[in-house]
Amino acid sequence: MVFIGFIVAAIITVLAAIKLSTYADTIGEKTSLGGMVVGTLLLAGATSLPEVTTSVSAIVLDSPDIAVGNVFGSNMFNLLIIASFDLYFRKQQIFKNAEQSHIYTASIGLLLAVVSLLALSIKLDYALLGIGIDIWVLITIYGIGMWLVSYLSKKNVQQPVSEPEEYNMSAIPLKRAIIGFVIAALVIMGAGTLLTVTGDQIAVITGLGASFVGSFLIAATTSLPEAIAVLVALQLRNFNLAIGSILGSNLFNILILGASDIFYRKGSIIAAVSNVHQITAAAVGILSVVILYALIRKPRESTIRYALPSLFLVILYFVSSYLIFIQ
């Protein structure tokens, strides 16, 4: 029954994510926000709701390793998602057609990954207002980074890539899109709670351990909304929405550590978890470097040469996964 509950929650998450990304595209089209902003802020936050409920629920179940592993594992899996789709849609050259503003988001994500790795290595067990000092540093970087991304994006406004008429979502009224977006987000949040409870039970039944289950099984499943959101966005040829939802979700996930630390009353949550999470955080940092390179490099005419960074990222993901597994 535990595995059935886990699968049912995953299916509900996928179906809700399809609606979520469709409504997000409509909101971006019918407002002045655009795909980049809607993807980085609105869609990224909504698709990260399973991570929120999963990590907070894990703390309630006294399993900080699942909470932290879910955050960094999801960030790893998110980057695998965009690299995999980039390989599949390589003729469209997703990164080449995206706004340069995504470089700022990717840079902030890399900085957060490096600081997270340092925090997991040093493990300062000091708290301020019930939240670890290291978490405060991460939240501060996130806040400043998002302000900077918003400011620089407005200074470097680019004309959106023209989209075929058949992908126009204007048939959906804006009010209906907003209401549908909120409902889909709430459904995803509920499914995320079920994923945590069943995932924690699976960790006990299989003996795989909370760190591994949190970093892979639950992290991959809670990243399903991001995967579906990217697929729908690419089918709509909204490249900025696709990339923005992934990079923005990785930034938003760092805030989830803060929420988890608030509920964890035994000290700093980062100081309480296994050292295996250092490998996950380091992997996120390395994968972020590859994504940043894919965004800033010069356009490639050859499809094979264009696809090399994404192929390298996929290989790095599975190598990192193996290193975490053997730990």
C-alpha atoms as a PDB file:
ATOM      1  CA  MET A   1       0.000   0.000   0.000  1.00  0.00           C
ATOM      2  CA  VAL A   2       2.914   2.335   0.706  1.00  0.00           C
ATOM      3  CA  PHE A   3       4.252   2.031  -2.840  1.00  0.00           C
ATOM      4  CA  ILE A   4       0.753   2.451  -4.299  1.00  0.00           C
ATOM      5  CA  GLY A   5       0.267   5.640  -2.275  1.00  0.00           C
ATOM      6  CA  PHE A   6       3.631   6.935  -3.501  1.00  0.00           C
ATOM      7  CA  ILE A   7       2.729   6.238  -7.150  1.00  0.00           C
ATOM      8  CA  VAL A   8      -0.746   7.811  -6.792  1.00  0.00           C
ATOM      9  CA  ALA A   9       0.801  10.971  -5.308  1.00  0.00           C
ATOM     10  CA  ALA A  10       3.301  11.112  -8.178  1.00  0.00           C
ATOM     11  CA  ILE A  11       0.523  10.797 -10.792  1.00  0.00           C
ATOM     12  CA  ILE A  12      -1.524  13.562  -9.143  1.00  0.00           C
ATOM     13  CA  THR A  13       1.574  15.755  -9.107  1.00  0.00           C
ATOM     14  CA  VAL A  14       2.149  15.233 -12.845  1.00  0.00           C
ATOM     15  CA  LEU A  15      -1.453  16.000 -13.826  1.00  0.00           C
ATOM     16  CA  ALA A  16      -1.538  19.155 -11.692  1.00  0.00           C
ATOM     17  CA  ALA A  17       1.828  20.286 -13.107  1.00  0.00           C
ATOM     18  CA  ILE A  18       0.506  20.086 -16.682  1.00  0.00           C
ATOM     19  CA  LYS A  19      -2.292  22.518 -15.801  1.00  0.00           C
ATOM     20  CA  LEU A  20       0.097  24.672 -13.772  1.00  0.00           C
ATOM     21  CA  SER A  21       2.534  25.296 -16.605  1.00  0.00           C
ATOM     22  CA  THR A  22      -0.250  25.908 -19.140  1.00  0.00           C
ATOM     23  CA  TYR A  23      -1.850  28.547 -16.902  1.00  0.00           C
ATOM     24  CA  ALA A  24       1.578  30.085 -16.223  1.00  0.00           C
ATOM     25  CA  ASP A  25       2.177  30.494 -19.946  1.00  0.00           C
ATOM     26  CA  THR A  26      -1.187  32.255 -20.265  1.00  0.00           C
ATOM     27  CA  ILE A  27      -0.395  34.582 -17.349  1.00  0.00           C
ATOM     28  CA  GLY A  28       2.956  35.466 -18.899  1.00  0.00           C
ATOM     29  CA  GLU A  29       1.313  36.091 -22.279  1.00  0.00           C
ATOM     30  CA  LYS A  30      -1.576  38.215 -21.020  1.00  0.00           C
ATOM     31  CA  THR A  31       0.399  40.329 -18.561  1.00  0.00           C
ATOM     32  CA  SER A  32       3.553  42.426 -18.879  1.00  0.00           C
ATOM     33  CA  LEU A  33       5.583  39.916 -16.849  1.00  0.00           C
ATOM     34  CA  GLY A  34       6.826  37.772 -19.728  1.00  0.00           C
ATOM     35  CA  GLY A  35       8.123  34.195 -19.777  1.00  0.00           C
ATOM     36  CA  MET A  36      11.400  34.849 -17.980  1.00  0.00           C
ATOM     37  CA  VAL A  37       9.852  36.539 -14.924  1.00  0.00           C
ATOM     38  CA  VAL A  38       6.849  34.197 -14.738  1.00  0.00           C
ATOM     39  CA  GLY A  39       9.140  31.174 -15.042  1.00  0.00           C
ATOM     40  CA  THR A  40      11.745  32.348 -12.526  1.00  0.00           C
ATOM     41  CA  LEU A  41       9.314  33.593  -9.894  1.00  0.00           C
ATOM     42  CA  LEU A  42       5.720  32.414 -10.308  1.00  0.00           C
ATOM     43  CA  LEU A  43       6.059  28.990 -11.939  1.00  0.00           C
ATOM     44  CA  ALA A  44       9.297  28.160 -10.112  1.00  0.00           C
ATOM     45  CA  GLY A  45       7.716  28.844  -6.723  1.00  0.00           C
ATOM     46  CA  ALA A  46       4.584  26.840  -7.557  1.00  0.00           C
ATOM     47  CA  THR A  47       6.435  23.803  -8.906  1.00  0.00           C
ATOM     48  CA  SER A  48       8.616  23.843  -5.777  1.00  0.00           C
ATOM     49  CA  LEU A  49       5.600  23.417  -3.488  1.00  0.00           C
ATOM     50  CA  PRO A  50       6.098  19.615  -3.274  1.00  0.00           C
ATOM     51  CA  GLU A  51       9.600  20.280  -1.951  1.00  0.00           C
ATOM     52  CA  VAL A  52       8.138  22.661   0.639  1.00  0.00           C
ATOM     53  CA  THR A  53       5.588  20.197   2.001  1.00  0.00           C
ATOM     54  CA  THR A  54       8.009  17.288   1.684  1.00  0.00           C
ATOM     55  CA  SER A  55      10.828  18.939   3.640  1.00  0.00           C
ATOM     56  CA  VAL A  56       8.583  20.398   6.347  1.00  0.00           C
ATOM     57  CA  SER A  57       6.768  17.071   6.713  1.00  0.00           C
ATOM     58  CA  ALA A  58      10.140  15.326   6.994  1.00  0.00           C
ATOM     59  CA  ILE A  59      11.045  17.575   9.936  1.00  0.00           C
ATOM     60  CA  VAL A  60       7.744  16.711  11.627  1.00  0.00           C
ATOM     61  CA  LEU A  61       8.679  13.041  11.139  1.00  0.00           C
ATOM     62  CA  ASP A  62      12.115  13.850  12.682  1.00  0.00           C
ATOM     63  CA  SER A  63      14.006  13.042   9.500  1.00  0.00           C
ATOM     64  CA  PRO A  64      16.231  16.064   8.711  1.00  0.00           C
ATOM     65  CA  ASP A  65      18.258  14.014   6.212  1.00  0.00           C
ATOM     66  CA  ILE A  66      15.185  13.581   4.011  1.00  0.00           C
ATOM     67  CA  ALA A  67      14.440  17.319   4.281  1.00  0.00           C
ATOM     68  CA  VAL A  68      17.932  18.466   3.279  1.00  0.00           C
ATOM     69  CA  GLY A  69      18.479  15.628   0.798  1.00  0.00           C
ATOM     70  CA  ASN A  70      15.207  16.509  -0.901  1.00  0.00           C
ATOM     71  CA  VAL A  71      16.327  20.117  -1.467  1.00  0.00           C
ATOM     72  CA  PHE A  72      19.779  19.412  -2.902  1.00  0.00           C
ATOM     73  CA  GLY A  73      18.644  16.251  -4.685  1.00  0.00           C
ATOM     74  CA  SER A  74      15.825  18.203  -6.343  1.00  0.00           C
ATOM     75  CA  ASN A  75      18.278  20.868  -7.488  1.00  0.00           C
ATOM     76  CA  MET A  76      20.465  18.168  -9.032  1.00  0.00           C
ATOM     77  CA  PHE A  77      17.502  16.540 -10.736  1.00  0.00           C
ATOM     78  CA  ASN A  78      16.181  19.882 -11.997  1.00  0.00           C
ATOM     79  CA  LEU A  79      19.434  20.527 -13.857  1.00  0.00           C
ATOM     80  CA  LEU A  80      19.273  16.998 -15.268  1.00  0.00           C
ATOM     81  CA  ILE A  81      15.760  17.805 -16.535  1.00  0.00           C
ATOM     82  CA  ILE A  82      16.772  20.885 -18.518  1.00  0.00           C
ATOM     83  CA  ALA A  83      19.887  19.132 -19.894  1.00  0.00           C
ATOM     84  CA  SER A  84      17.866  16.078 -20.973  1.00  0.00           C
ATOM     85  CA  PHE A  85      15.241  18.178 -22.738  1.00  0.00           C
ATOM     86  CA  ASP A  86      17.989  20.264 -24.344  1.00  0.00           C
ATOM     87  CA  LEU A  87      19.431  17.068 -25.818  1.00  0.00           C
ATOM     88  CA  TYR A  88      16.021  15.909 -27.026  1.00  0.00           C
ATOM     89  CA  PHE A  89      15.128  19.312 -28.523  1.00  0.00           C
ATOM     90  CA  ARG A  90      18.713  20.012 -29.600  1.00  0.00           C
ATOM     91  CA  LYS A  91      17.676  21.274 -33.037  1.00  0.00           C
ATOM     92  CA  GLN A  92      15.754  24.097 -31.349  1.00  0.00           C
ATOM     93  CA  GLN A  93      18.883  25.029 -29.322  1.00  0.00           C
ATOM     94  CA  ILE A  94      17.028  26.033 -26.155  1.00  0.00           C
ATOM     95  CA  PHE A  95      19.889  27.891 -24.482  1.00  0.00           C
ATOM     96  CA  LYS A  96      20.735  29.889 -27.608  1.00  0.00           C
ATOM     97  CA  ASN A  97      17.151  31.142 -27.941  1.00  0.00           C
ATOM     98  CA  ALA A  98      16.749  32.116 -24.275  1.00  0.00           C
ATOM     99  CA  GLU A  99      17.200  35.606 -22.837  1.00  0.00           C
ATOM    100  CA  GLN A 100      20.639  36.483 -21.479  1.00  0.00           C
ATOM    101  CA  SER A 101      18.949  37.471 -18.212  1.00  0.00           C
ATOM    102  CA  HIS A 102      19.021  33.790 -17.239  1.00  0.00           C
ATOM    103  CA  ILE A 103      22.783  34.151 -16.792  1.00  0.00           C
ATOM    104  CA  TYR A 104      22.136  36.215 -13.660  1.00  0.00           C
ATOM    105  CA  THR A 105      19.809  33.552 -12.229  1.00  0.00           C
ATOM    106  CA  ALA A 106      22.295  30.768 -12.992  1.00  0.00           C
ATOM    107  CA  SER A 107      25.104  32.759 -11.331  1.00  0.00           C
ATOM    108  CA  ILE A 108      23.080  33.217  -8.138  1.00  0.00           C
ATOM    109  CA  GLY A 109      22.306  29.496  -8.152  1.00  0.00           C
ATOM    110  CA  LEU A 110      26.014  28.682  -8.430  1.00  0.00           C
ATOM    111  CA  LEU A 111      26.847  31.023  -5.537  1.00  0.00           C
ATOM    112  CA  LEU A 112      24.158  29.437  -3.351  1.00  0.00           C
ATOM    113  CA  ALA A 113      25.494  25.957  -4.161  1.00  0.00           C
ATOM    114  CA  VAL A 114      29.044  26.956  -3.154  1.00  0.00           C
ATOM    115  CA  VAL A 115      27.876  28.573   0.111  1.00  0.00           C
ATOM    116  CA  SER A 116      25.720  25.509   0.861  1.00  0.00           C
ATOM    117  CA  LEU A 117      28.744  23.250   0.383  1.00  0.00           C
ATOM    118  CA  LEU A 118      30.779  25.382   2.779  1.00  0.00           C
ATOM    119  CA  ALA A 119      27.941  25.312   5.323  1.00  0.00           C
ATOM    120  CA  LEU A 120      27.687  21.511   5.116  1.00  0.00           C
ATOM    121  CA  SER A 121      31.467  21.210   5.523  1.00  0.00           C
ATOM    122  CA  ILE A 122      31.875  23.621   8.459  1.00  0.00           C
ATOM    123  CA  LYS A 123      28.525  22.832  10.179  1.00  0.00           C
ATOM    124  CA  LEU A 124      28.196  25.824  12.503  1.00  0.00           C
ATOM    125  CA  ASP A 125      25.629  24.909  15.141  1.00  0.00           C
ATOM    126  CA  TYR A 126      24.656  28.514  15.925  1.00  0.00           C
ATOM    127  CA  ALA A 127      21.171  29.939  15.523  1.00  0.00           C
ATOM    128  CA  LEU A 128      19.584  33.391  15.371  1.00  0.00           C
ATOM    129  CA  LEU A 129      15.835  33.621  16.070  1.00  0.00           C
ATOM    130  CA  GLY A 130      15.622  29.847  15.802  1.00  0.00           C
ATOM    131  CA  ILE A 131      17.288  29.704  12.365  1.00  0.00           C
ATOM    132  CA  GLY A 132      20.889  28.630  11.755  1.00  0.00           C
ATOM    133  CA  ILE A 133      23.435  31.317  10.874  1.00  0.00           C
ATOM    134  CA  ASP A 134      24.291  29.469   7.674  1.00  0.00           C
ATOM    135  CA  ILE A 135      20.632  29.490   6.633  1.00  0.00           C
ATOM    136  CA  TRP A 136      20.470  33.245   7.259  1.00  0.00           C
ATOM    137  CA  VAL A 137      23.444  33.712   4.917  1.00  0.00           C
ATOM    138  CA  LEU A 138      21.747  31.638   2.197  1.00  0.00           C
ATOM    139  CA  ILE A 139      18.450  33.528   2.561  1.00  0.00           C
ATOM    140  CA  THR A 140      20.272  36.878   2.380  1.00  0.00           C
ATOM    141  CA  ILE A 141      22.079  35.847  -0.811  1.00  0.00           C
ATOM    142  CA  TYR A 142      18.758  34.677  -2.260  1.00  0.00           C
ATOM    143  CA  GLY A 143      17.024  37.985  -1.438  1.00  0.00           C
ATOM    144  CA  ILE A 144      19.797  40.164  -2.834  1.00  0.00           C
ATOM    145  CA  GLY A 145      20.152  37.886  -5.842  1.00  0.00           C
ATOM    146  CA  MET A 146      16.471  38.008  -6.768  1.00  0.00           C
ATOM    147  CA  TRP A 147      16.437  41.802  -6.458  1.00  0.00           C
ATOM    148  CA  LEU A 148      19.522  41.964  -8.679  1.00  0.00           C
ATOM    149  CA  VAL A 149      17.999  39.575 -11.241  1.00  0.00           C
ATOM    150  CA  SER A 150      14.816  41.677 -11.394  1.00  0.00           C
ATOM    151  CA  TYR A 151      16.778  44.931 -11.711  1.00  0.00           C
ATOM    152  CA  LEU A 152      19.179  43.683 -14.384  1.00  0.00           C
ATOM    153  CA  SER A 153      16.373  41.980 -16.318  1.00  0.00           C
ATOM    154  CA  LYS A 154      14.534  45.293 -16.613  1.00  0.00           C
ATOM    155  CA  LYS A 155      17.723  47.001 -17.836  1.00  0.00           C
ATOM    156  CA  ASN A 156      18.347  44.347 -20.479  1.00  0.00           C
ATOM    157  CA  VAL A 157      14.875  43.810 -21.900  1.00  0.00           C
ATOM    158  CA  GLN A 158      14.919  41.705 -25.047  1.00  0.00           C
ATOM    159  CA  GLN A 159      12.203  41.113 -27.576  1.00  0.00           C
ATOM    160  CA  PRO A 160      10.586  37.725 -26.989  1.00  0.00           C
ATOM    161  CA  VAL A 161      11.120  34.957 -29.476  1.00  0.00           C
ATOM    162  CA  SER A 162       8.228  34.878 -31.907  1.00  0.00           C
ATOM    163  CA  GLU A 163       5.876  31.957 -31.286  1.00  0.00           C
ATOM    164  CA  PRO A 164       3.767  30.091 -33.811  1.00  0.00           C
ATOM    165  CA  GLU A 165       0.107  31.043 -33.805  1.00  0.00           C
ATOM    166  CA  GLU A 166      -1.016  27.504 -33.006  1.00  0.00           C
ATOM    167  CA  TYR A 167       0.591  27.778 -29.568  1.00  0.00           C
ATOM    168  CA  ASN A 168      -1.277  30.936 -28.617  1.00  0.00           C
ATOM    169  CA  MET A 169      -3.072  30.438 -25.308  1.00  0.00           C
ATOM    170  CA  SER A 170      -5.278  33.538 -25.604  1.00  0.00           C
ATOM    171  CA  ALA A 171      -8.421  31.355 -25.543  1.00  0.00           C
ATOM    172  CA  ILE A 172      -7.976  31.023 -21.774  1.00  0.00           C
ATOM    173  CA  PRO A 173      -9.175  34.148 -19.900  1.00  0.00           C
ATOM    174  CA  LEU A 174      -6.632  35.692 -17.514  1.00  0.00           C
ATOM    175  CA  LYS A 175      -8.952  35.364 -14.483  1.00  0.00           C
ATOM    176  CA  ARG A 176      -9.506  31.677 -15.176  1.00  0.00           C
ATOM    177  CA  ALA A 177      -5.756  31.165 -15.627  1.00  0.00           C
ATOM    178  CA  ILE A 178      -4.988  32.758 -12.249  1.00  0.00           C
ATOM    179  CA  ILE A 179      -7.670  30.733 -10.412  1.00  0.00           C
ATOM    180  CA  GLY A 180      -6.591  27.531 -12.158  1.00  0.00           C
ATOM    181  CA  PHE A 181      -2.955  28.239 -11.317  1.00  0.00           C
ATOM    182  CA  VAL A 182      -3.761  28.612  -7.597  1.00  0.00           C
ATOM    183  CA  ILE A 183      -5.885  25.442  -7.511  1.00  0.00           C
ATOM    184  CA  ALA A 184      -3.216  23.400  -9.314  1.00  0.00           C
ATOM    185  CA  ALA A 185      -0.576  24.723  -6.900  1.00  0.00           C
ATOM    186  CA  LEU A 186      -2.649  23.647  -3.875  1.00  0.00           C
ATOM    187  CA  VAL A 187      -3.157  20.170  -5.344  1.00  0.00           C
ATOM    188  CA  ILE A 188       0.605  19.848  -5.870  1.00  0.00           C
ATOM    189  CA  MET A 189       1.205  20.911  -2.267  1.00  0.00           C
ATOM    190  CA  GLY A 190      -1.115  18.193  -0.954  1.00  0.00           C
ATOM    191  CA  ALA A 191       0.482  15.550  -3.149  1.00  0.00           C
ATOM    192  CA  GLY A 192       3.910  16.579  -1.835  1.00  0.00           C
ATOM    193  CA  THR A 193       2.846  15.793   1.734  1.00  0.00           C
ATOM    194  CA  LEU A 194       1.733  12.295   0.699  1.00  0.00           C
ATOM    195  CA  LEU A 195       5.050  11.782  -1.104  1.00  0.00           C
ATOM    196  CA  THR A 196       6.960  12.535   2.095  1.00  0.00           C
ATOM    197  CA  VAL A 197       4.967  10.230   4.346  1.00  0.00           C
ATOM    198  CA  THR A 198       5.134   7.306   1.924  1.00  0.00           C
ATOM    199  CA  GLY A 199       8.789   8.037   1.066  1.00  0.00           C
ATOM    200  CA  ASP A 200       9.780   7.946   4.736  1.00  0.00           C
ATOM    201  CA  GLN A 201       8.068   4.564   5.068  1.00  0.00           C
ATOM    202  CA  ILE A 202       9.816   3.288   1.940  1.00  0.00           C
ATOM    203  CA  ALA A 203      13.180   4.288   3.445  1.00  0.00           C
ATOM    204  CA  VAL A 204      12.406   2.120   6.487  1.00  0.00           C
ATOM    205  CA  ILE A 205      11.020  -0.833   4.492  1.00  0.00           C
ATOM    206  CA  THR A 206      13.831  -0.989   1.921  1.00  0.00           C
ATOM    207  CA  GLY A 207      16.675  -0.070   4.275  1.00  0.00           C
ATOM    208  CA  LEU A 208      18.097   2.375   1.726  1.00  0.00           C
ATOM    209  CA  GLY A 209      18.391   5.119   4.344  1.00  0.00           C
ATOM    210  CA  ALA A 210      16.842   8.555   4.690  1.00  0.00           C
ATOM    211  CA  SER A 211      19.710  10.404   2.972  1.00  0.00           C
ATOM    212  CA  PHE A 212      19.560   8.322  -0.208  1.00  0.00           C
ATOM    213  CA  VAL A 213      15.754   8.212  -0.361  1.00  0.00           C
ATOM    214  CA  GLY A 214      15.566  11.982   0.218  1.00  0.00           C
ATOM    215  CA  SER A 215      18.259  12.801  -2.350  1.00  0.00           C
ATOM    216  CA  PHE A 216      16.931  10.559  -5.106  1.00  0.00           C
ATOM    217  CA  LEU A 217      13.560   8.866  -4.781  1.00  0.00           C
ATOM    218  CA  ILE A 218      11.680  11.762  -3.170  1.00  0.00           C
ATOM    219  CA  ALA A 219      13.784  14.458  -4.854  1.00  0.00           C
ATOM    220  CA  ALA A 220      13.132  13.024  -8.316  1.00  0.00           C
ATOM    221  CA  THR A 221       9.419  12.633  -7.629  1.00  0.00           C
ATOM    222  CA  THR A 222       8.944  16.130  -6.195  1.00  0.00           C
ATOM    223  CA  SER A 223      10.752  17.436  -9.289  1.00  0.00           C
ATOM    224  CA  LEU A 224       8.074  15.970 -11.560  1.00  0.00           C
ATOM    225  CA  PRO A 225       6.207  19.324 -11.676  1.00  0.00           C
ATOM    226  CA  GLU A 226       9.369  20.999 -12.974  1.00  0.00           C
ATOM    227  CA  ALA A 227       9.812  18.277 -15.613  1.00  0.00           C
ATOM    228  CA  ILE A 228       6.234  18.592 -16.838  1.00  0.00           C
ATOM    229  CA  ALA A 229       6.398  22.408 -16.707  1.00  0.00           C
ATOM    230  CA  VAL A 230       9.521  22.405 -18.877  1.00  0.00           C
ATOM    231  CA  LEU A 231       8.034  19.931 -21.372  1.00  0.00           C
ATOM    232  CA  VAL A 232       4.815  21.943 -21.772  1.00  0.00           C
ATOM    233  CA  ALA A 233       6.764  25.212 -22.027  1.00  0.00           C
ATOM    234  CA  LEU A 234       8.997  23.767 -24.761  1.00  0.00           C
ATOM    235  CA  GLN A 235       5.973  22.460 -26.644  1.00  0.00           C
ATOM    236  CA  LEU A 236       4.651  26.028 -26.466  1.00  0.00           C
ATOM    237  CA  ARG A 237       8.099  27.162 -27.700  1.00  0.00           C
ATOM    238  CA  ASN A 238       8.391  29.355 -24.617  1.00  0.00           C
ATOM    239  CA  PHE A 239      12.093  28.792 -23.938  1.00  0.00           C
ATOM    240  CA  ASN A 240      12.331  31.510 -21.299  1.00  0.00           C
ATOM    241  CA  LEU A 241       9.515  29.937 -19.275  1.00  0.00           C
ATOM    242  CA  ALA A 242      11.224  26.532 -19.470  1.00  0.00           C
ATOM    243  CA  ILE A 243      14.681  27.670 -18.364  1.00  0.00           C
ATOM    244  CA  GLY A 244      13.328  30.197 -15.873  1.00  0.00           C
ATOM    245  CA  SER A 245      11.185  27.592 -14.115  1.00  0.00           C
ATOM    246  CA  ILE A 246      14.203  25.322 -13.555  1.00  0.00           C
ATOM    247  CA  LEU A 247      16.733  27.954 -12.490  1.00  0.00           C
ATOM    248  CA  GLY A 248      14.156  29.812 -10.399  1.00  0.00           C
ATOM    249  CA  SER A 249      13.046  26.580  -8.729  1.00  0.00           C
ATOM    250  CA  ASN A 250      16.639  25.838  -7.702  1.00  0.00           C
ATOM    251  CA  LEU A 251      16.869  29.269  -6.081  1.00  0.00           C
ATOM    252  CA  PHE A 252      13.490  28.910  -4.383  1.00  0.00           C
ATOM    253  CA  ASN A 253      14.459  25.506  -2.981  1.00  0.00           C
ATOM    254  CA  ILE A 254      17.127  27.184  -0.858  1.00  0.00           C
ATOM    255  CA  LEU A 255      14.353  29.050   0.963  1.00  0.00           C
ATOM    256  CA  ILE A 256      12.889  25.653   1.818  1.00  0.00           C
ATOM    257  CA  LEU A 257      15.971  25.000   3.952  1.00  0.00           C
ATOM    258  CA  GLY A 258      15.018  28.079   5.944  1.00  0.00           C
ATOM    259  CA  ALA A 259      11.449  26.838   6.408  1.00  0.00           C
ATOM    260  CA  SER A 260      12.757  23.427   7.456  1.00  0.00           C
ATOM    261  CA  ASP A 261      15.163  24.999   9.952  1.00  0.00           C
ATOM    262  CA  ILE A 262      12.296  26.939  11.563  1.00  0.00           C
ATOM    263  CA  PHE A 263      10.452  23.686  12.285  1.00  0.00           C
ATOM    264  CA  TYR A 264      13.610  21.830  13.346  1.00  0.00           C
ATOM    265  CA  ARG A 265      13.973  22.657  17.036  1.00  0.00           C
ATOM    266  CA  LYS A 266      17.137  20.665  17.836  1.00  0.00           C
ATOM    267  CA  GLY A 267      19.585  23.267  16.524  1.00  0.00           C
ATOM    268  CA  SER A 268      20.865  24.068  13.041  1.00  0.00           C
ATOM    269  CA  ILE A 269      19.429  21.594  10.526  1.00  0.00           C
ATOM    270  CA  ILE A 270      22.560  21.664   8.357  1.00  0.00           C
ATOM    271  CA  ALA A 271      24.707  20.766  11.377  1.00  0.00           C
ATOM    272  CA  ALA A 272      22.458  17.768  12.086  1.00  0.00           C
ATOM    273  CA  VAL A 273      22.551  15.993   8.726  1.00  0.00           C
ATOM    274  CA  SER A 274      24.862  13.375   7.202  1.00  0.00           C
ATOM    275  CA  ASN A 275      28.108  14.343   5.485  1.00  0.00           C
ATOM    276  CA  VAL A 276      26.880  12.632   2.305  1.00  0.00           C
ATOM    277  CA  HIS A 277      24.978  15.824   1.475  1.00  0.00           C
ATOM    278  CA  GLN A 278      28.329  17.513   0.820  1.00  0.00           C
ATOM    279  CA  ILE A 279      28.624  15.401  -2.322  1.00  0.00           C
ATOM    280  CA  THR A 280      25.132  16.432  -3.437  1.00  0.00           C
ATOM    281  CA  ALA A 281      25.826  20.132  -2.846  1.00  0.00           C
ATOM    282  CA  ALA A 282      29.163  19.874  -4.678  1.00  0.00           C
ATOM    283  CA  ALA A 283      27.415  18.130  -7.579  1.00  0.00           C
ATOM    284  CA  VAL A 284      24.840  20.946  -7.770  1.00  0.00           C
ATOM    285  CA  GLY A 285      27.686  23.462  -7.946  1.00  0.00           C
ATOM    286  CA  ILE A 286      29.499  21.617 -10.747  1.00  0.00           C
ATOM    287  CA  LEU A 287      26.295  21.106 -12.733  1.00  0.00           C
ATOM    288  CA  SER A 288      25.493  24.815 -12.287  1.00  0.00           C
ATOM    289  CA  VAL A 289      28.838  25.708 -13.857  1.00  0.00           C
ATOM    290  CA  VAL A 290      27.935  23.625 -16.913  1.00  0.00           C
ATOM    291  CA  ILE A 291      24.528  25.341 -17.213  1.00  0.00           C
ATOM    292  CA  LEU A 292      26.168  28.765 -16.882  1.00  0.00           C
ATOM    293  CA  TYR A 293      28.627  27.881 -19.647  1.00  0.00           C
ATOM    294  CA  ALA A 294      25.759  26.744 -21.895  1.00  0.00           C
ATOM    295  CA  LEU A 295      24.102  30.142 -21.419  1.00  0.00           C
ATOM    296  CA  ILE A 296      27.137  32.392 -21.980  1.00  0.00           C
ATOM    297  CA  ARG A 297      28.957  30.572 -24.802  1.00  0.00           C
ATOM    298  CA  LYS A 298      28.801  31.723 -28.386  1.00  0.00           C
ATOM    299  CA  PRO A 299      26.081  30.233 -30.642  1.00  0.00           C
ATOM    300  CA  ARG A 300      27.002  26.924 -32.287  1.00  0.00           C
ATOM    301  CA  GLU A 301      25.966  26.039 -35.801  1.00  0.00           C
ATOM    302  CA  SER A 302      26.665  22.343 -35.326  1.00  0.00           C
ATOM    303  CA  THR A 303      23.930  20.475 -33.435  1.00  0.00           C
ATOM    304  CA  ILE A 304      26.476  18.007 -32.050  1.00  0.00           C
ATOM    305  CA  ARG A 305      28.802  20.719 -30.714  1.00  0.00           C
ATOM    306  CA  TYR A 306      25.817  22.570 -29.253  1.00  0.00           C
ATOM    307  CA  ALA A 307      24.656  19.461 -27.352  1.00  0.00           C
ATOM    308  CA  LEU A 308      28.038  18.699 -25.714  1.00  0.00           C
ATOM    309  CA  PRO A 309      27.496  20.698 -22.453  1.00  0.00           C
ATOM    310  CA  SER A 310      24.108  19.050 -21.821  1.00  0.00           C
ATOM    311  CA  LEU A 311      25.552  15.610 -22.581  1.00  0.00           C
ATOM    312  CA  PHE A 312      28.432  16.326 -20.179  1.00  0.00           C
ATOM    313  CA  LEU A 313      25.912  17.421 -17.522  1.00  0.00           C
ATOM    314  CA  VAL A 314      23.913  14.185 -17.826  1.00  0.00           C
ATOM    315  CA  ILE A 315      27.096  12.122 -17.418  1.00  0.00           C
ATOM    316  CA  LEU A 316      28.140  14.193 -14.388  1.00  0.00           C
ATOM    317  CA  TYR A 317      24.723  13.644 -12.813  1.00  0.00           C
ATOM    318  CA  PHE A 318      24.990   9.856 -12.947  1.00  0.00           C
ATOM    319  CA  VAL A 319      28.619   9.881 -11.758  1.00  0.00           C
ATOM    320  CA  SER A 320      27.581  12.026  -8.779  1.00  0.00           C
ATOM    321  CA  SER A 321      24.628   9.730  -8.120  1.00  0.00           C
ATOM    322  CA  TYR A 322      26.946   6.732  -7.994  1.00  0.00           C
ATOM    323  CA  LEU A 323      29.302   8.480  -5.564  1.00  0.00           C
ATOM    324  CA  ILE A 324      26.379   9.332  -3.273  1.00  0.00           C
ATOM    325  CA  PHE A 325      25.012   5.782  -3.485  1.00  0.00           C
ATOM    326  CA  ILE A 326      28.292   4.132  -2.452  1.00  0.00           C
ATOM    327  CA  GLN A 327      28.474   6.448   0.575  1.00  0.00           C
END
